[in-house]
N, C-alpha and C. Protein backbone atom coordinates (compact mmCIF):
# COMPACT_ATOMS: atom_id res chain seq x y z
N MET A 1 2.63 5.14 0.40
CA MET A 1 1.60 5.73 1.22
C MET A 1 0.25 5.11 0.85
N LYS A 2 -0.48 4.69 1.85
CA LYS A 2 -1.80 4.09 1.61
C LYS A 2 -2.80 5.18 1.26
N ILE A 3 -3.59 4.92 0.21
CA ILE A 3 -4.66 5.83 -0.19
C ILE A 3 -5.95 5.38 0.48
N PHE A 4 -6.31 4.10 0.27
CA PHE A 4 -7.46 3.50 0.95
C PHE A 4 -7.33 2.00 0.90
N GLU A 5 -8.19 1.32 1.65
CA GLU A 5 -8.23 -0.14 1.58
C GLU A 5 -9.66 -0.61 1.51
N THR A 6 -9.80 -1.82 1.02
CA THR A 6 -11.10 -2.48 0.94
C THR A 6 -10.99 -3.76 1.77
N GLU A 7 -11.96 -4.60 1.66
CA GLU A 7 -11.94 -5.83 2.45
C GLU A 7 -10.69 -6.66 2.17
N ARG A 8 -10.31 -6.78 0.89
CA ARG A 8 -9.18 -7.65 0.54
C ARG A 8 -7.98 -6.93 -0.05
N LEU A 9 -8.12 -5.63 -0.33
CA LEU A 9 -7.11 -4.91 -1.10
C LEU A 9 -6.61 -3.66 -0.39
N ILE A 10 -5.38 -3.27 -0.74
CA ILE A 10 -4.82 -1.99 -0.33
C ILE A 10 -4.45 -1.24 -1.61
N ILE A 11 -4.89 0.01 -1.68
CA ILE A 11 -4.56 0.87 -2.80
C ILE A 11 -3.59 1.90 -2.24
N LYS A 12 -2.38 1.95 -2.81
CA LYS A 12 -1.34 2.83 -2.27
C LYS A 12 -0.44 3.33 -3.39
N SER A 13 0.42 4.24 -3.04
CA SER A 13 1.35 4.79 -4.02
C SER A 13 2.33 3.71 -4.48
N LEU A 14 2.80 3.87 -5.70
CA LEU A 14 3.74 2.91 -6.28
C LEU A 14 5.12 3.06 -5.66
N GLU A 15 5.86 1.96 -5.71
CA GLU A 15 7.24 1.96 -5.26
C GLU A 15 8.10 1.45 -6.42
N LYS A 16 9.39 1.73 -6.35
CA LYS A 16 10.29 1.36 -7.45
C LYS A 16 10.22 -0.13 -7.79
N VAL A 17 9.99 -0.98 -6.80
CA VAL A 17 9.95 -2.43 -7.04
C VAL A 17 8.74 -2.85 -7.88
N ASP A 18 7.79 -1.96 -8.09
CA ASP A 18 6.56 -2.27 -8.84
C ASP A 18 6.72 -2.12 -10.35
N LYS A 19 7.84 -1.65 -10.82
CA LYS A 19 7.96 -1.27 -12.23
C LYS A 19 7.71 -2.44 -13.19
N THR A 20 8.17 -3.64 -12.88
CA THR A 20 7.96 -4.78 -13.77
C THR A 20 6.48 -5.08 -13.93
N TYR A 21 5.73 -5.06 -12.84
CA TYR A 21 4.29 -5.31 -12.91
C TYR A 21 3.57 -4.15 -13.59
N PHE A 22 4.03 -2.94 -13.34
CA PHE A 22 3.49 -1.76 -14.01
C PHE A 22 3.65 -1.91 -15.52
N ALA A 23 4.84 -2.29 -15.95
CA ALA A 23 5.12 -2.47 -17.38
C ALA A 23 4.20 -3.53 -17.99
N GLU A 24 3.95 -4.60 -17.26
CA GLU A 24 3.06 -5.66 -17.75
C GLU A 24 1.67 -5.12 -18.07
N LEU A 25 1.20 -4.19 -17.26
CA LEU A 25 -0.14 -3.62 -17.44
C LEU A 25 -0.25 -2.74 -18.68
N PHE A 26 0.90 -2.35 -19.25
CA PHE A 26 0.91 -1.51 -20.44
C PHE A 26 1.49 -2.21 -21.66
N THR A 27 1.79 -3.52 -21.53
CA THR A 27 2.36 -4.26 -22.65
C THR A 27 1.71 -5.62 -22.91
N ASP A 28 1.02 -6.19 -21.95
CA ASP A 28 0.41 -7.51 -22.12
C ASP A 28 -0.75 -7.42 -23.12
N PRO A 29 -0.65 -8.12 -24.26
CA PRO A 29 -1.69 -8.03 -25.30
C PRO A 29 -3.08 -8.41 -24.78
N LYS A 30 -3.15 -9.35 -23.86
CA LYS A 30 -4.44 -9.78 -23.32
C LYS A 30 -5.14 -8.63 -22.58
N ILE A 31 -4.37 -7.83 -21.87
CA ILE A 31 -4.91 -6.68 -21.14
C ILE A 31 -5.26 -5.55 -22.12
N LEU A 32 -4.33 -5.26 -23.01
CA LEU A 32 -4.48 -4.11 -23.91
C LEU A 32 -5.60 -4.30 -24.92
N GLU A 33 -5.90 -5.54 -25.27
CA GLU A 33 -6.96 -5.83 -26.24
C GLU A 33 -8.31 -5.31 -25.75
N LEU A 34 -8.56 -5.36 -24.45
CA LEU A 34 -9.84 -4.95 -23.89
C LEU A 34 -9.98 -3.44 -23.73
N ILE A 35 -8.87 -2.72 -23.74
CA ILE A 35 -8.97 -1.29 -23.46
C ILE A 35 -9.49 -0.53 -24.69
N PRO A 36 -9.18 -0.75 -25.91
CA PRO A 36 -7.95 -1.28 -26.49
C PRO A 36 -6.91 -0.18 -26.52
N GLN A 37 -5.67 -0.62 -26.49
CA GLN A 37 -4.58 0.33 -26.47
C GLN A 37 -3.35 -0.35 -27.06
N LYS A 38 -2.51 0.41 -27.72
CA LYS A 38 -1.26 -0.13 -28.23
C LYS A 38 -0.28 -0.26 -27.07
N ALA A 39 0.60 -1.24 -27.16
CA ALA A 39 1.61 -1.43 -26.13
C ALA A 39 2.51 -0.20 -26.03
N PHE A 40 2.84 0.16 -24.82
CA PHE A 40 3.74 1.28 -24.58
C PHE A 40 5.17 0.87 -24.89
N THR A 41 5.97 1.82 -25.30
CA THR A 41 7.40 1.58 -25.45
C THR A 41 8.04 1.63 -24.07
N GLN A 42 9.28 1.17 -23.98
CA GLN A 42 9.99 1.21 -22.70
C GLN A 42 10.13 2.64 -22.19
N ASP A 43 10.37 3.59 -23.08
CA ASP A 43 10.47 4.99 -22.66
C ASP A 43 9.14 5.51 -22.12
N GLN A 44 8.04 5.15 -22.79
CA GLN A 44 6.72 5.58 -22.30
C GLN A 44 6.43 4.98 -20.93
N ILE A 45 6.77 3.72 -20.75
CA ILE A 45 6.55 3.05 -19.46
C ILE A 45 7.36 3.75 -18.37
N THR A 46 8.63 3.99 -18.64
CA THR A 46 9.49 4.64 -17.64
C THR A 46 8.96 6.02 -17.29
N ASP A 47 8.56 6.79 -18.31
CA ASP A 47 8.03 8.13 -18.08
C ASP A 47 6.76 8.09 -17.23
N ARG A 48 5.82 7.24 -17.63
CA ARG A 48 4.55 7.13 -16.89
C ARG A 48 4.78 6.62 -15.47
N PHE A 49 5.67 5.64 -15.32
CA PHE A 49 5.95 5.08 -14.00
C PHE A 49 6.58 6.15 -13.09
N ASN A 50 7.56 6.86 -13.60
CA ASN A 50 8.24 7.87 -12.79
C ASN A 50 7.30 8.98 -12.36
N LYS A 51 6.33 9.33 -13.22
CA LYS A 51 5.34 10.35 -12.85
C LYS A 51 4.44 9.87 -11.71
N SER A 52 4.30 8.55 -11.58
CA SER A 52 3.41 8.00 -10.56
C SER A 52 4.12 7.77 -9.22
N LEU A 53 5.44 7.84 -9.22
CA LEU A 53 6.17 7.71 -7.96
C LEU A 53 6.03 9.00 -7.15
N ASN A 54 6.30 8.92 -5.88
CA ASN A 54 6.29 10.10 -4.99
C ASN A 54 4.93 10.81 -4.99
N LEU A 55 3.89 10.02 -4.96
CA LEU A 55 2.53 10.55 -4.94
C LEU A 55 2.25 11.30 -3.65
N GLU A 56 1.62 12.43 -3.79
CA GLU A 56 1.09 13.19 -2.66
C GLU A 56 -0.43 13.12 -2.75
N LEU A 57 -1.09 13.00 -1.62
CA LEU A 57 -2.56 12.94 -1.65
C LEU A 57 -3.16 14.13 -2.38
N SER A 58 -2.57 15.30 -2.24
CA SER A 58 -3.10 16.49 -2.90
C SER A 58 -3.04 16.36 -4.43
N ASP A 59 -2.14 15.51 -4.95
CA ASP A 59 -2.05 15.31 -6.39
C ASP A 59 -3.33 14.73 -6.97
N LEU A 60 -4.05 13.94 -6.19
CA LEU A 60 -5.25 13.27 -6.68
C LEU A 60 -6.36 14.27 -7.03
N LYS A 61 -6.30 15.45 -6.47
CA LYS A 61 -7.34 16.45 -6.72
C LYS A 61 -7.22 17.09 -8.10
N ASP A 62 -5.99 17.24 -8.61
CA ASP A 62 -5.85 18.01 -9.84
C ASP A 62 -4.89 17.41 -10.87
N GLN A 63 -4.48 16.16 -10.68
CA GLN A 63 -3.58 15.51 -11.62
C GLN A 63 -4.04 14.09 -11.89
N LYS A 64 -3.68 13.57 -13.05
CA LYS A 64 -3.92 12.16 -13.34
C LYS A 64 -2.86 11.36 -12.59
N ARG A 65 -3.30 10.34 -11.84
CA ARG A 65 -2.37 9.56 -11.04
C ARG A 65 -2.72 8.07 -11.08
N ALA A 66 -1.69 7.25 -11.07
CA ALA A 66 -1.85 5.80 -10.99
C ALA A 66 -1.38 5.35 -9.62
N CYS A 67 -2.21 4.56 -8.95
CA CYS A 67 -1.87 3.98 -7.66
C CYS A 67 -1.86 2.46 -7.80
N GLY A 68 -1.04 1.81 -7.04
CA GLY A 68 -0.96 0.36 -7.10
C GLY A 68 -2.07 -0.30 -6.30
N ILE A 69 -2.50 -1.46 -6.78
CA ILE A 69 -3.49 -2.28 -6.06
C ILE A 69 -2.75 -3.54 -5.61
N TYR A 70 -2.90 -3.88 -4.32
CA TYR A 70 -2.20 -5.01 -3.71
C TYR A 70 -3.17 -5.82 -2.88
N GLU A 71 -3.02 -7.12 -2.90
CA GLU A 71 -3.78 -7.96 -1.99
C GLU A 71 -3.21 -7.72 -0.59
N LYS A 72 -4.09 -7.66 0.41
CA LYS A 72 -3.63 -7.45 1.78
C LYS A 72 -2.68 -8.58 2.17
N GLY A 73 -1.60 -8.20 2.82
CA GLY A 73 -0.63 -9.17 3.28
C GLY A 73 0.37 -9.62 2.23
N LYS A 74 0.28 -9.07 1.02
CA LYS A 74 1.20 -9.44 -0.06
C LYS A 74 1.83 -8.18 -0.64
N SER A 75 3.03 -8.33 -1.18
CA SER A 75 3.75 -7.15 -1.68
C SER A 75 3.69 -6.99 -3.20
N GLU A 76 3.17 -8.00 -3.91
CA GLU A 76 3.13 -7.98 -5.36
C GLU A 76 1.97 -7.12 -5.86
N MET A 77 2.28 -6.13 -6.70
CA MET A 77 1.24 -5.28 -7.27
C MET A 77 0.42 -6.09 -8.27
N ILE A 78 -0.91 -6.05 -8.12
CA ILE A 78 -1.78 -6.83 -9.00
C ILE A 78 -2.51 -5.97 -10.02
N GLY A 79 -2.50 -4.65 -9.83
CA GLY A 79 -3.21 -3.78 -10.76
C GLY A 79 -2.99 -2.32 -10.44
N LEU A 80 -3.70 -1.49 -11.17
CA LEU A 80 -3.62 -0.04 -10.99
C LEU A 80 -5.01 0.54 -10.78
N ALA A 81 -5.12 1.42 -9.82
CA ALA A 81 -6.29 2.27 -9.64
C ALA A 81 -5.92 3.61 -10.23
N LEU A 82 -6.69 4.07 -11.21
CA LEU A 82 -6.34 5.27 -11.96
C LEU A 82 -7.28 6.41 -11.60
N PHE A 83 -6.71 7.45 -11.03
CA PHE A 83 -7.44 8.67 -10.72
C PHE A 83 -7.20 9.61 -11.91
N LEU A 84 -8.23 9.79 -12.72
CA LEU A 84 -8.08 10.48 -14.00
C LEU A 84 -8.90 11.76 -14.04
N ILE A 85 -8.63 12.56 -15.06
CA ILE A 85 -9.42 13.76 -15.35
C ILE A 85 -9.69 13.70 -16.85
N ASN A 86 -10.98 13.69 -17.22
CA ASN A 86 -11.31 13.54 -18.65
C ASN A 86 -11.18 14.87 -19.39
N GLU A 87 -11.48 14.83 -20.69
CA GLU A 87 -11.29 16.01 -21.54
C GLU A 87 -12.20 17.17 -21.15
N ASP A 88 -13.24 16.90 -20.35
CA ASP A 88 -14.14 17.96 -19.88
C ASP A 88 -13.76 18.46 -18.49
N GLY A 89 -12.61 17.99 -17.98
CA GLY A 89 -12.15 18.42 -16.65
C GLY A 89 -12.84 17.70 -15.51
N GLU A 90 -13.57 16.62 -15.81
CA GLU A 90 -14.31 15.88 -14.78
C GLU A 90 -13.45 14.76 -14.21
N LYS A 91 -13.67 14.46 -12.93
CA LYS A 91 -12.98 13.35 -12.29
C LYS A 91 -13.46 12.04 -12.91
N GLU A 92 -12.51 11.17 -13.16
CA GLU A 92 -12.82 9.90 -13.81
C GLU A 92 -12.04 8.79 -13.11
N LEU A 93 -12.69 7.65 -12.94
CA LEU A 93 -11.98 6.52 -12.36
C LEU A 93 -11.63 5.52 -13.44
N GLY A 94 -10.56 4.79 -13.20
CA GLY A 94 -10.14 3.74 -14.10
C GLY A 94 -9.39 2.69 -13.29
N TYR A 95 -9.22 1.54 -13.87
CA TYR A 95 -8.47 0.48 -13.21
C TYR A 95 -8.04 -0.50 -14.27
N ARG A 96 -7.03 -1.25 -13.98
CA ARG A 96 -6.64 -2.39 -14.80
C ARG A 96 -5.89 -3.36 -13.91
N PHE A 97 -6.07 -4.64 -14.23
CA PHE A 97 -5.46 -5.70 -13.44
C PHE A 97 -4.62 -6.61 -14.32
N ARG A 98 -3.59 -7.17 -13.75
CA ARG A 98 -2.83 -8.20 -14.44
C ARG A 98 -3.79 -9.37 -14.70
N ALA A 99 -3.64 -10.01 -15.84
CA ALA A 99 -4.61 -11.00 -16.31
C ALA A 99 -4.85 -12.15 -15.33
N ASN A 100 -3.82 -12.58 -14.61
CA ASN A 100 -4.03 -13.70 -13.69
C ASN A 100 -4.79 -13.30 -12.43
N PHE A 101 -5.21 -12.04 -12.32
CA PHE A 101 -6.02 -11.60 -11.19
C PHE A 101 -7.44 -11.23 -11.63
N TRP A 102 -7.79 -11.55 -12.87
CA TRP A 102 -9.15 -11.32 -13.35
C TRP A 102 -10.09 -12.36 -12.75
N GLY A 103 -11.37 -12.00 -12.68
CA GLY A 103 -12.40 -12.95 -12.27
C GLY A 103 -12.45 -13.22 -10.77
N LYS A 104 -11.82 -12.39 -9.96
CA LYS A 104 -11.79 -12.59 -8.51
C LYS A 104 -12.63 -11.54 -7.77
N GLY A 105 -13.31 -10.66 -8.52
CA GLY A 105 -14.11 -9.61 -7.89
C GLY A 105 -13.31 -8.38 -7.50
N TYR A 106 -12.04 -8.34 -7.88
CA TYR A 106 -11.20 -7.20 -7.49
C TYR A 106 -11.60 -5.91 -8.21
N GLY A 107 -12.10 -6.01 -9.44
CA GLY A 107 -12.54 -4.82 -10.16
C GLY A 107 -13.73 -4.17 -9.47
N THR A 108 -14.69 -4.98 -9.05
CA THR A 108 -15.85 -4.48 -8.33
C THR A 108 -15.43 -3.84 -7.01
N GLU A 109 -14.57 -4.53 -6.30
CA GLU A 109 -14.11 -4.04 -5.00
C GLU A 109 -13.33 -2.73 -5.14
N THR A 110 -12.50 -2.65 -6.15
CA THR A 110 -11.72 -1.43 -6.39
C THR A 110 -12.62 -0.28 -6.80
N THR A 111 -13.57 -0.53 -7.70
CA THR A 111 -14.48 0.53 -8.14
C THR A 111 -15.27 1.09 -6.96
N LYS A 112 -15.81 0.21 -6.14
CA LYS A 112 -16.57 0.66 -4.97
C LYS A 112 -15.68 1.49 -4.04
N GLY A 113 -14.46 1.03 -3.82
CA GLY A 113 -13.54 1.76 -2.95
C GLY A 113 -13.15 3.11 -3.53
N MET A 114 -12.95 3.16 -4.85
CA MET A 114 -12.59 4.43 -5.48
C MET A 114 -13.74 5.42 -5.40
N LEU A 115 -14.96 4.95 -5.64
CA LEU A 115 -16.11 5.85 -5.54
C LEU A 115 -16.24 6.39 -4.11
N GLU A 116 -16.08 5.52 -3.15
CA GLU A 116 -16.13 5.94 -1.75
C GLU A 116 -15.05 7.00 -1.47
N TYR A 117 -13.87 6.77 -1.98
CA TYR A 117 -12.77 7.71 -1.75
C TYR A 117 -13.05 9.06 -2.43
N TYR A 118 -13.49 9.02 -3.69
CA TYR A 118 -13.82 10.26 -4.39
C TYR A 118 -14.87 11.06 -3.63
N PHE A 119 -15.93 10.39 -3.19
CA PHE A 119 -17.05 11.11 -2.59
C PHE A 119 -16.80 11.48 -1.12
N GLN A 120 -16.21 10.59 -0.35
CA GLN A 120 -16.06 10.84 1.08
C GLN A 120 -14.77 11.60 1.42
N GLU A 121 -13.67 11.25 0.78
CA GLU A 121 -12.38 11.86 1.13
C GLU A 121 -12.07 13.09 0.27
N MET A 122 -12.36 13.01 -1.01
CA MET A 122 -12.05 14.12 -1.91
C MET A 122 -13.23 15.09 -2.06
N ASN A 123 -14.39 14.68 -1.58
CA ASN A 123 -15.60 15.51 -1.63
C ASN A 123 -15.95 15.96 -3.05
N VAL A 124 -15.81 15.03 -4.00
CA VAL A 124 -16.15 15.28 -5.40
C VAL A 124 -17.66 15.11 -5.57
N ASP A 125 -18.29 15.92 -6.41
CA ASP A 125 -19.74 15.85 -6.62
C ASP A 125 -20.16 14.81 -7.65
N LYS A 126 -19.24 14.49 -8.59
CA LYS A 126 -19.58 13.56 -9.67
C LYS A 126 -18.32 12.85 -10.13
N VAL A 127 -18.46 11.55 -10.46
CA VAL A 127 -17.35 10.75 -10.99
C VAL A 127 -17.80 10.12 -12.30
N MET A 128 -16.89 10.12 -13.26
CA MET A 128 -17.15 9.55 -14.58
C MET A 128 -16.29 8.30 -14.77
N ALA A 129 -16.63 7.50 -15.77
CA ALA A 129 -15.80 6.37 -16.19
C ALA A 129 -16.13 6.08 -17.64
N ASP A 130 -15.11 5.78 -18.44
CA ASP A 130 -15.29 5.39 -19.84
C ASP A 130 -14.82 3.95 -20.00
N VAL A 131 -15.54 3.19 -20.82
CA VAL A 131 -15.15 1.80 -21.05
C VAL A 131 -15.43 1.43 -22.50
N ASN A 132 -14.54 0.66 -23.08
CA ASN A 132 -14.76 0.06 -24.39
C ASN A 132 -15.94 -0.90 -24.23
N ILE A 133 -16.98 -0.75 -25.04
CA ILE A 133 -18.18 -1.59 -24.87
C ILE A 133 -17.89 -3.08 -25.08
N ALA A 134 -16.78 -3.41 -25.72
CA ALA A 134 -16.41 -4.82 -25.90
C ALA A 134 -15.77 -5.41 -24.64
N ASN A 135 -15.45 -4.57 -23.68
CA ASN A 135 -14.85 -5.04 -22.42
C ASN A 135 -15.99 -5.41 -21.46
N ILE A 136 -16.55 -6.58 -21.68
CA ILE A 136 -17.76 -7.03 -20.98
C ILE A 136 -17.59 -7.02 -19.46
N GLY A 137 -16.42 -7.45 -18.98
CA GLY A 137 -16.18 -7.48 -17.53
C GLY A 137 -16.30 -6.11 -16.90
N SER A 138 -15.66 -5.12 -17.50
CA SER A 138 -15.72 -3.77 -16.95
C SER A 138 -17.10 -3.14 -17.15
N VAL A 139 -17.77 -3.45 -18.24
CA VAL A 139 -19.13 -2.96 -18.43
C VAL A 139 -20.03 -3.45 -17.29
N LYS A 140 -19.92 -4.73 -16.95
CA LYS A 140 -20.72 -5.29 -15.85
C LYS A 140 -20.42 -4.59 -14.53
N ILE A 141 -19.15 -4.32 -14.27
CA ILE A 141 -18.76 -3.65 -13.03
C ILE A 141 -19.35 -2.25 -12.98
N LEU A 142 -19.18 -1.48 -14.04
CA LEU A 142 -19.66 -0.10 -14.03
C LEU A 142 -21.18 -0.04 -13.97
N ASN A 143 -21.87 -1.01 -14.58
CA ASN A 143 -23.33 -1.06 -14.51
C ASN A 143 -23.83 -1.25 -13.08
N LYS A 144 -23.02 -1.84 -12.22
CA LYS A 144 -23.43 -2.06 -10.82
C LYS A 144 -23.52 -0.76 -10.04
N PHE A 145 -22.68 0.21 -10.40
CA PHE A 145 -22.55 1.41 -9.58
C PHE A 145 -22.96 2.71 -10.26
N MET A 146 -22.83 2.76 -11.58
CA MET A 146 -22.93 4.03 -12.29
C MET A 146 -24.00 3.96 -13.38
N GLU A 147 -24.37 5.12 -13.89
CA GLU A 147 -25.36 5.22 -14.95
C GLU A 147 -24.68 5.51 -16.28
N PRO A 148 -25.03 4.76 -17.34
CA PRO A 148 -24.49 5.11 -18.66
C PRO A 148 -25.15 6.40 -19.14
N VAL A 149 -24.34 7.30 -19.70
CA VAL A 149 -24.89 8.58 -20.16
C VAL A 149 -24.68 8.81 -21.65
N SER A 150 -23.70 8.12 -22.27
CA SER A 150 -23.49 8.29 -23.71
C SER A 150 -22.58 7.20 -24.24
N GLU A 151 -22.64 7.04 -25.56
CA GLU A 151 -21.68 6.18 -26.27
C GLU A 151 -21.08 7.02 -27.37
N PHE A 152 -19.79 6.79 -27.64
CA PHE A 152 -19.11 7.58 -28.65
C PHE A 152 -17.96 6.77 -29.23
N TYR A 153 -17.60 7.15 -30.44
CA TYR A 153 -16.46 6.51 -31.08
C TYR A 153 -15.18 7.14 -30.55
N ASN A 154 -14.32 6.32 -30.00
CA ASN A 154 -13.03 6.76 -29.47
C ASN A 154 -12.00 6.61 -30.59
N GLU A 155 -11.70 7.71 -31.23
CA GLU A 155 -10.81 7.70 -32.39
C GLU A 155 -9.40 7.23 -32.02
N ARG A 156 -8.90 7.69 -30.89
CA ARG A 156 -7.53 7.33 -30.47
C ARG A 156 -7.38 5.82 -30.32
N ASP A 157 -8.36 5.17 -29.69
CA ASP A 157 -8.27 3.73 -29.44
C ASP A 157 -9.04 2.89 -30.45
N ASN A 158 -9.71 3.55 -31.42
CA ASN A 158 -10.44 2.86 -32.48
C ASN A 158 -11.47 1.87 -31.93
N CYS A 159 -12.34 2.38 -31.06
CA CYS A 159 -13.38 1.53 -30.47
C CYS A 159 -14.57 2.42 -30.08
N THR A 160 -15.66 1.79 -29.70
CA THR A 160 -16.81 2.52 -29.17
C THR A 160 -16.74 2.45 -27.66
N ASP A 161 -16.74 3.61 -27.02
CA ASP A 161 -16.71 3.71 -25.56
C ASP A 161 -18.09 4.09 -25.05
N ARG A 162 -18.36 3.65 -23.85
CA ARG A 162 -19.57 4.08 -23.13
C ARG A 162 -19.09 4.91 -21.94
N ARG A 163 -19.71 6.06 -21.77
CA ARG A 163 -19.39 6.93 -20.63
C ARG A 163 -20.43 6.73 -19.54
N TYR A 164 -19.94 6.56 -18.34
CA TYR A 164 -20.77 6.40 -17.15
C TYR A 164 -20.55 7.58 -16.22
N GLU A 165 -21.55 7.83 -15.38
CA GLU A 165 -21.38 8.85 -14.34
C GLU A 165 -22.14 8.42 -13.09
N LEU A 166 -21.68 8.96 -11.99
CA LEU A 166 -22.37 8.78 -10.72
C LEU A 166 -22.20 10.06 -9.93
N GLU A 167 -23.33 10.60 -9.48
CA GLU A 167 -23.29 11.80 -8.65
C GLU A 167 -23.27 11.39 -7.19
N LYS A 168 -22.62 12.21 -6.39
CA LYS A 168 -22.46 11.92 -4.96
C LYS A 168 -23.80 11.66 -4.29
N ASN A 169 -24.82 12.47 -4.59
CA ASN A 169 -26.13 12.28 -3.96
C ASN A 169 -26.70 10.90 -4.25
N ASN A 170 -26.53 10.42 -5.49
CA ASN A 170 -27.02 9.09 -5.85
C ASN A 170 -26.20 8.00 -5.15
N TRP A 171 -24.92 8.21 -4.98
CA TRP A 171 -24.06 7.25 -4.26
C TRP A 171 -24.52 7.14 -2.81
N LEU A 172 -24.78 8.28 -2.19
CA LEU A 172 -25.22 8.26 -0.79
C LEU A 172 -26.57 7.55 -0.66
N GLN A 173 -27.46 7.74 -1.63
CA GLN A 173 -28.76 7.07 -1.59
C GLN A 173 -28.60 5.56 -1.77
N GLN A 174 -27.65 5.12 -2.62
CA GLN A 174 -27.41 3.70 -2.83
C GLN A 174 -26.94 3.01 -1.55
N ARG A 175 -26.21 3.76 -0.72
CA ARG A 175 -25.60 3.18 0.46
C ARG A 175 -26.59 3.04 1.61
N VAL A 176 -27.73 3.72 1.54
CA VAL A 176 -28.71 3.68 2.65
C VAL A 176 -29.45 2.36 2.64
């Protein structure tokens, strides 16, 4: 099921054929180094993947969900758009791409599309995002759209994260 699309991308629910690419996003050292995160085990991958199948649009309002990112006209999943809820119960966006799709502007395009979806379709008042400050690419993307509000040590991932936020009113003003 399609969630939304951008100029070059379609963000939609995962299908069983996506599992290999999904697994790559949770095991490729090049990707995980920037998050940073330890590689998932096969059981963790299967569990997380199965939870993301059979997505209902209503799930995005109150559950953490992963949606696939695809180039228009192609069937190969290139990344994940992550609809998250942080420890404070706030809506949070996330994304990750397979390494050979970095540097093409897809992160910027996905972030803009996700913000639009959160504010226009889900009618959310505020969206958050956390990023490892060493992940320069994602820091640049989030700086384009959102305001940094704090930095903190992320004990689980052993890194310093920066938290960003964007309120719906500010998003609407940016678009004028």
